[in-house]
Amino acid sequence: MPFLCGPKNSRYAYTGNPCPHTDLALPVDALTLGDALVKYESHFCVRISVHIDAGDAEEKFGEKYFRYVDEATGANQLVDIHVFRGNAELCPKQKLDFALESADIVEIGPLVC
């Protein structure tokens, strides 16, 4: 069962254990990245959608980031999603059909790549 971490349950939040950790991770029964994000949205009352560069945007990011909106506060930010699989760090970009494995850790976080 993949684990999800993000702004609401960061692997770097202090819990008394060394960081990064999965203490606050949300386990989800999901086969794809898209399925996992839907479950994260529902659990934490947020909205995560594919970011599309505006035609007049000063900086172009391409097809790799997501828009993250906290429904309770209205906080709105771009996030990057990476999958940690064993010793590998994978960047699925905006591929919502990216297949997840049971031991994967999906991290929704700051723009990294």
C-alpha atoms as a PDB file:
ATOM      1  CA  MET A   1       0.000   0.000   0.000  1.00  0.00           C
ATOM      2  CA  PRO A   2       1.736   3.244  -1.117  1.00  0.00           C
ATOM      3  CA  PHE A   3       2.269   6.041   1.394  1.00  0.00           C
ATOM      4  CA  LEU A   4       1.539   9.707   0.649  1.00  0.00           C
ATOM      5  CA  CYS A   5       3.252  12.684   2.243  1.00  0.00           C
ATOM      6  CA  GLY A   6       2.604  16.323   1.452  1.00  0.00           C
ATOM      7  CA  PRO A   7       2.104  19.794   2.859  1.00  0.00           C
ATOM      8  CA  LYS A   8      -0.436  18.471   5.394  1.00  0.00           C
ATOM      9  CA  ASN A   9       1.690  15.513   6.536  1.00  0.00           C
ATOM     10  CA  SER A  10       5.313  16.204   5.699  1.00  0.00           C
ATOM     11  CA  ARG A  11       8.076  13.625   6.082  1.00  0.00           C
ATOM     12  CA  TYR A  12      10.109  16.476   7.556  1.00  0.00           C
ATOM     13  CA  ALA A  13       7.662  17.467  10.331  1.00  0.00           C
ATOM     14  CA  TYR A  14       9.178  16.872  13.760  1.00  0.00           C
ATOM     15  CA  THR A  15       7.671  13.792  15.415  1.00  0.00           C
ATOM     16  CA  GLY A  16      10.592  12.754  17.600  1.00  0.00           C
ATOM     17  CA  ASN A  17      12.037  10.485  14.896  1.00  0.00           C
ATOM     18  CA  PRO A  18      14.827  11.235  12.432  1.00  0.00           C
ATOM     19  CA  CYS A  19      13.690  12.944   9.204  1.00  0.00           C
ATOM     20  CA  PRO A  20      12.670  12.042   6.609  1.00  0.00           C
ATOM     21  CA  HIS A  21      10.216   9.528   8.055  1.00  0.00           C
ATOM     22  CA  THR A  22       6.790   8.060   7.316  1.00  0.00           C
ATOM     23  CA  ASP A  23       5.270   8.685  10.757  1.00  0.00           C
ATOM     24  CA  LEU A  24       2.565  10.979   9.337  1.00  0.00           C
ATOM     25  CA  ALA A  25       2.238   9.289   5.934  1.00  0.00           C
ATOM     26  CA  LEU A  26      -1.218   8.461   4.599  1.00  0.00           C
ATOM     27  CA  PRO A  27      -1.413   4.821   3.433  1.00  0.00           C
ATOM     28  CA  VAL A  28      -3.664   4.508   0.392  1.00  0.00           C
ATOM     29  CA  ASP A  29      -4.995   1.629  -1.637  1.00  0.00           C
ATOM     30  CA  ALA A  30      -4.104   3.032  -5.053  1.00  0.00           C
ATOM     31  CA  LEU A  31      -2.675   1.555  -8.235  1.00  0.00           C
ATOM     32  CA  THR A  32      -1.838   4.839  -9.964  1.00  0.00           C
ATOM     33  CA  LEU A  33      -0.630   8.298  -9.039  1.00  0.00           C
ATOM     34  CA  GLY A  34      -4.007   9.748 -10.057  1.00  0.00           C
ATOM     35  CA  ASP A  35      -5.885   7.370  -7.732  1.00  0.00           C
ATOM     36  CA  ALA A  36      -3.531   8.227  -4.871  1.00  0.00           C
ATOM     37  CA  LEU A  37      -3.967  11.983  -5.358  1.00  0.00           C
ATOM     38  CA  VAL A  38      -7.760  11.659  -5.263  1.00  0.00           C
ATOM     39  CA  LYS A  39      -7.482   9.909  -1.899  1.00  0.00           C
ATOM     40  CA  TYR A  40      -5.085  12.551  -0.556  1.00  0.00           C
ATOM     41  CA  GLU A  41      -7.486  15.300  -1.692  1.00  0.00           C
ATOM     42  CA  SER A  42     -10.426  13.649   0.023  1.00  0.00           C
ATOM     43  CA  HIS A  43      -8.571  12.920   3.262  1.00  0.00           C
ATOM     44  CA  PHE A  44      -7.017  16.382   3.683  1.00  0.00           C
ATOM     45  CA  CYS A  45      -9.669  18.549   1.984  1.00  0.00           C
ATOM     46  CA  VAL A  46      -7.336  19.889  -0.688  1.00  0.00           C
ATOM     47  CA  ARG A  47      -7.427  20.128  -4.469  1.00  0.00           C
ATOM     48  CA  ILE A  48      -4.541  18.908  -6.617  1.00  0.00           C
ATOM     49  CA  SER A  49      -4.640  19.529 -10.356  1.00  0.00           C
ATOM     50  CA  VAL A  50      -2.235  19.461 -13.258  1.00  0.00           C
ATOM     51  CA  HIS A  51      -0.597  22.878 -13.659  1.00  0.00           C
ATOM     52  CA  ILE A  52      -0.860  24.414 -17.114  1.00  0.00           C
ATOM     53  CA  ASP A  53       1.372  27.363 -17.950  1.00  0.00           C
ATOM     54  CA  ALA A  54      -0.632  30.488 -18.724  1.00  0.00           C
ATOM     55  CA  GLY A  55       0.108  32.038 -22.090  1.00  0.00           C
ATOM     56  CA  ASP A  56       1.321  35.223 -20.433  1.00  0.00           C
ATOM     57  CA  ALA A  57       3.215  33.564 -17.570  1.00  0.00           C
ATOM     58  CA  GLU A  58       6.600  35.135 -16.991  1.00  0.00           C
ATOM     59  CA  GLU A  59       8.144  31.747 -16.185  1.00  0.00           C
ATOM     60  CA  LYS A  60       7.270  28.548 -18.048  1.00  0.00           C
ATOM     61  CA  PHE A  61       7.465  25.258 -16.165  1.00  0.00           C
ATOM     62  CA  GLY A  62       6.291  22.793 -18.789  1.00  0.00           C
ATOM     63  CA  GLU A  63       4.320  19.681 -17.958  1.00  0.00           C
ATOM     64  CA  LYS A  64       5.728  18.636 -14.618  1.00  0.00           C
ATOM     65  CA  TYR A  65       4.096  20.494 -11.726  1.00  0.00           C
ATOM     66  CA  PHE A  66       0.730  20.474  -9.982  1.00  0.00           C
ATOM     67  CA  ARG A  67      -1.465  23.199  -8.468  1.00  0.00           C
ATOM     68  CA  TYR A  68      -2.206  22.490  -4.786  1.00  0.00           C
ATOM     69  CA  VAL A  69      -5.083  24.373  -3.125  1.00  0.00           C
ATOM     70  CA  ASP A  70      -5.991  24.014   0.550  1.00  0.00           C
ATOM     71  CA  GLU A  71      -9.796  24.224   0.628  1.00  0.00           C
ATOM     72  CA  ALA A  72      -9.858  25.395   4.272  1.00  0.00           C
ATOM     73  CA  THR A  73      -7.386  28.267   3.985  1.00  0.00           C
ATOM     74  CA  GLY A  74      -7.362  29.017   0.267  1.00  0.00           C
ATOM     75  CA  ALA A  75      -3.553  28.633   0.229  1.00  0.00           C
ATOM     76  CA  ASN A  76      -2.524  28.045  -3.363  1.00  0.00           C
ATOM     77  CA  GLN A  77       0.889  26.813  -4.498  1.00  0.00           C
ATOM     78  CA  LEU A  78       2.734  24.855  -7.130  1.00  0.00           C
ATOM     79  CA  VAL A  79       4.048  21.476  -5.987  1.00  0.00           C
ATOM     80  CA  ASP A  80       6.273  18.801  -7.449  1.00  0.00           C
ATOM     81  CA  ILE A  81       5.476  15.134  -6.965  1.00  0.00           C
ATOM     82  CA  HIS A  82       8.203  12.533  -6.595  1.00  0.00           C
ATOM     83  CA  VAL A  83       7.977   8.810  -5.919  1.00  0.00           C
ATOM     84  CA  PHE A  84      10.568   7.151  -3.710  1.00  0.00           C
ATOM     85  CA  ARG A  85      10.937   3.502  -4.685  1.00  0.00           C
ATOM     86  CA  GLY A  86      13.691   1.674  -2.849  1.00  0.00           C
ATOM     87  CA  ASN A  87      16.814   3.775  -3.379  1.00  0.00           C
ATOM     88  CA  ALA A  88      15.404   5.500  -6.478  1.00  0.00           C
ATOM     89  CA  GLU A  89      13.692   8.887  -6.652  1.00  0.00           C
ATOM     90  CA  LEU A  90      11.317   9.020  -9.628  1.00  0.00           C
ATOM     91  CA  CYS A  91       9.674  12.090 -11.129  1.00  0.00           C
ATOM     92  CA  PRO A  92       6.477  11.002 -12.892  1.00  0.00           C
ATOM     93  CA  LYS A  93       5.779  14.606 -13.934  1.00  0.00           C
ATOM     94  CA  GLN A  94       2.048  14.944 -14.765  1.00  0.00           C
ATOM     95  CA  LYS A  95       1.536  11.276 -15.648  1.00  0.00           C
ATOM     96  CA  LEU A  96      -1.532  10.481 -13.546  1.00  0.00           C
ATOM     97  CA  ASP A  97      -1.509   6.913 -14.900  1.00  0.00           C
ATOM     98  CA  PHE A  98       1.974   6.340 -13.407  1.00  0.00           C
ATOM     99  CA  ALA A  99       1.812   2.884 -11.772  1.00  0.00           C
ATOM    100  CA  LEU A 100       2.514   2.776  -8.045  1.00  0.00           C
ATOM    101  CA  GLU A 101       4.008  -0.141  -6.156  1.00  0.00           C
ATOM    102  CA  SER A 102       3.032  -1.161  -2.634  1.00  0.00           C
ATOM    103  CA  ALA A 103       6.188   0.133  -0.919  1.00  0.00           C
ATOM    104  CA  ASP A 104       6.307   3.484  -2.768  1.00  0.00           C
ATOM    105  CA  ILE A 105       6.407   6.770  -0.889  1.00  0.00           C
ATOM    106  CA  VAL A 106       4.750   9.563  -2.851  1.00  0.00           C
ATOM    107  CA  GLU A 107       5.915  13.010  -1.807  1.00  0.00           C
ATOM    108  CA  ILE A 108       3.943  16.130  -2.721  1.00  0.00           C
ATOM    109  CA  GLY A 109       6.320  18.972  -2.021  1.00  0.00           C
ATOM    110  CA  PRO A 110       8.336  21.983  -3.117  1.00  0.00           C
ATOM    111  CA  LEU A 111       9.511  22.423  -6.694  1.00  0.00           C
ATOM    112  CA  VAL A 112      12.610  20.266  -6.933  1.00  0.00           C
ATOM    113  CA  CYS A 113      13.390  19.490 -10.539  1.00  0.00           C
END
